[in-house]
C-alpha atoms as a PDB file:
ATOM      1  CA  LYS A   1      -3.063   8.656 -11.655  1.00  0.00           C
ATOM      2  CA  MET A   2      -1.623   5.474 -13.116  1.00  0.00           C
ATOM      3  CA  GLU A   3      -4.105   3.028 -14.593  1.00  0.00           C
ATOM      4  CA  LEU A   4      -3.862  -0.608 -13.577  1.00  0.00           C
ATOM      5  CA  GLU A   5      -4.703  -3.369 -16.006  1.00  0.00           C
ATOM      6  CA  ILE A   6      -5.743  -6.634 -14.368  1.00  0.00           C
ATOM      7  CA  ASP A   7      -5.825  -9.908 -16.250  1.00  0.00           C
ATOM      8  CA  GLU A   8      -8.615 -11.773 -14.451  1.00  0.00           C
ATOM      9  CA  LYS A   9      -7.643 -15.086 -16.097  1.00  0.00           C
ATOM     10  CA  GLU A  10      -4.052 -14.859 -14.847  1.00  0.00           C
ATOM     11  CA  LEU A  11      -5.214 -13.967 -11.338  1.00  0.00           C
ATOM     12  CA  LYS A  12      -7.627 -16.886 -11.282  1.00  0.00           C
ATOM     13  CA  ALA A  13      -4.962 -19.271 -12.635  1.00  0.00           C
ATOM     14  CA  ALA A  14      -2.705 -18.222  -9.740  1.00  0.00           C
ATOM     15  CA  GLY A  15      -5.529 -18.806  -7.252  1.00  0.00           C
ATOM     16  CA  ALA A  16      -6.000 -15.078  -6.629  1.00  0.00           C
ATOM     17  CA  GLU A  17      -8.876 -12.638  -6.861  1.00  0.00           C
ATOM     18  CA  PRO A  18      -8.873  -8.831  -6.954  1.00  0.00           C
ATOM     19  CA  LEU A  19     -10.044  -6.870  -3.925  1.00  0.00           C
ATOM     20  CA  THR A  20     -13.431  -5.174  -4.185  1.00  0.00           C
ATOM     21  CA  ASN A  21     -14.969  -1.821  -3.205  1.00  0.00           C
ATOM     22  CA  GLY A  22     -12.336   0.269  -4.997  1.00  0.00           C
ATOM     23  CA  ARG A  23      -9.448  -1.247  -3.039  1.00  0.00           C
ATOM     24  CA  LEU A  24      -6.207  -1.844  -4.963  1.00  0.00           C
ATOM     25  CA  GLY A  25      -4.821  -5.304  -4.325  1.00  0.00           C
ATOM     26  CA  LEU A  26      -5.601  -8.988  -4.313  1.00  0.00           C
ATOM     27  CA  ARG A  27      -6.496 -11.944  -2.115  1.00  0.00           C
ATOM     28  CA  ILE A  28      -4.394 -15.088  -2.510  1.00  0.00           C
ATOM     29  CA  ARG A  29      -3.802 -18.232  -0.430  1.00  0.00           C
ATOM     30  CA  GLY A  30      -5.177 -16.773   2.786  1.00  0.00           C
ATOM     31  CA  TRP A  31      -3.502 -13.394   2.395  1.00  0.00           C
ATOM     32  CA  GLU A  32      -4.825 -10.001   1.402  1.00  0.00           C
ATOM     33  CA  ILE A  33      -2.273  -7.726  -0.286  1.00  0.00           C
ATOM     34  CA  GLU A  34      -3.305  -4.095  -0.625  1.00  0.00           C
ATOM     35  CA  SER A  35      -1.529  -0.934  -1.711  1.00  0.00           C
ATOM     36  CA  SER A  36      -2.349   2.736  -1.584  1.00  0.00           C
ATOM     37  CA  ASN A  37      -0.357   5.300  -3.568  1.00  0.00           C
ATOM     38  CA  ARG A  38      -0.394   8.845  -2.233  1.00  0.00           C
ATOM     39  CA  PRO A  39       1.504  11.990  -3.246  1.00  0.00           C
ATOM     40  CA  ILE A  40       4.854  13.135  -1.878  1.00  0.00           C
ATOM     41  CA  LEU A  41       4.657  14.757   1.567  1.00  0.00           C
ATOM     42  CA  THR A  42       4.242  18.525   1.558  1.00  0.00           C
ATOM     43  CA  SER A  43       6.908  20.686   3.238  1.00  0.00           C
ATOM     44  CA  PRO A  44       4.827  21.097   6.433  1.00  0.00           C
ATOM     45  CA  GLU A  45       4.175  17.323   6.546  1.00  0.00           C
ATOM     46  CA  LEU A  46       7.877  16.618   6.029  1.00  0.00           C
ATOM     47  CA  LEU A  47       8.781  18.965   8.901  1.00  0.00           C
ATOM     48  CA  LEU A  48       6.250  17.212  11.138  1.00  0.00           C
ATOM     49  CA  TRP A  49       7.743  13.811  10.291  1.00  0.00           C
ATOM     50  CA  GLU A  50      11.245  15.111  11.033  1.00  0.00           C
ATOM     51  CA  GLN A  51      10.051  16.400  14.417  1.00  0.00           C
ATOM     52  CA  LYS A  52       8.289  13.141  15.292  1.00  0.00           C
ATOM     53  CA  LEU A  53      11.280  11.042  14.194  1.00  0.00           C
ATOM     54  CA  LYS A  54      13.744  13.475  15.824  1.00  0.00           C
ATOM     55  CA  THR A  55      15.832  13.808  12.682  1.00  0.00           C
ATOM     56  CA  SER A  56      16.556  16.340   9.978  1.00  0.00           C
ATOM     57  CA  HIS A  57      17.926  13.786   7.534  1.00  0.00           C
ATOM     58  CA  LEU A  58      14.853  12.665   5.619  1.00  0.00           C
ATOM     59  CA  PRO A  59      15.059  12.713   1.826  1.00  0.00           C
ATOM     60  CA  GLU A  60      13.548  15.698   0.062  1.00  0.00           C
ATOM     61  CA  MET A  61      10.852  13.486  -1.458  1.00  0.00           C
ATOM     62  CA  VAL A  62       9.069  11.078   0.913  1.00  0.00           C
ATOM     63  CA  PHE A  63       5.927   9.157  -0.009  1.00  0.00           C
ATOM     64  CA  GLY A  64       4.910   9.027   3.647  1.00  0.00           C
ATOM     65  CA  ASN A  65       1.238   8.246   3.169  1.00  0.00           C
ATOM     66  CA  SER A  66       1.688   5.437   0.641  1.00  0.00           C
ATOM     67  CA  VAL A  67       1.049   1.985   2.075  1.00  0.00           C
ATOM     68  CA  LEU A  68       1.625  -1.667   1.272  1.00  0.00           C
ATOM     69  CA  SER A  69      -0.161  -3.964   3.699  1.00  0.00           C
ATOM     70  CA  LEU A  70      -0.160  -7.748   3.969  1.00  0.00           C
ATOM     71  CA  THR A  71      -2.951  -9.276   6.043  1.00  0.00           C
ATOM     72  CA  HIS A  72      -3.181 -12.950   6.990  1.00  0.00           C
ATOM     73  CA  LEU A  73      -6.943 -13.441   6.958  1.00  0.00           C
ATOM     74  CA  ALA A  74      -7.165 -16.425   9.336  1.00  0.00           C
ATOM     75  CA  SER A  75      -5.139 -14.821  12.130  1.00  0.00           C
ATOM     76  CA  GLY A  76      -5.731 -11.135  11.395  1.00  0.00           C
ATOM     77  CA  THR A  77      -1.972 -10.514  11.508  1.00  0.00           C
ATOM     78  CA  LYS A  78      -1.145  -7.406   9.500  1.00  0.00           C
ATOM     79  CA  ILE A  79       2.264  -6.303   8.268  1.00  0.00           C
END
């Protein structure tokens, strides 16, 4: 697992703060930015994705459970 070094002073200077409760990301200007890094899909998971997407052309290595989410706190809109 890759270690993340956070410079609290730089975050604060940018008007940001790190997320809490073990979540990886930050809160800045009304937005919450969070990421989650997961391993490459296993062969059975990859087959399931191909079936659901009705394709057999996915790359050999897919990080299908990794996520980057952007949430606008005031509206609750999540990308």
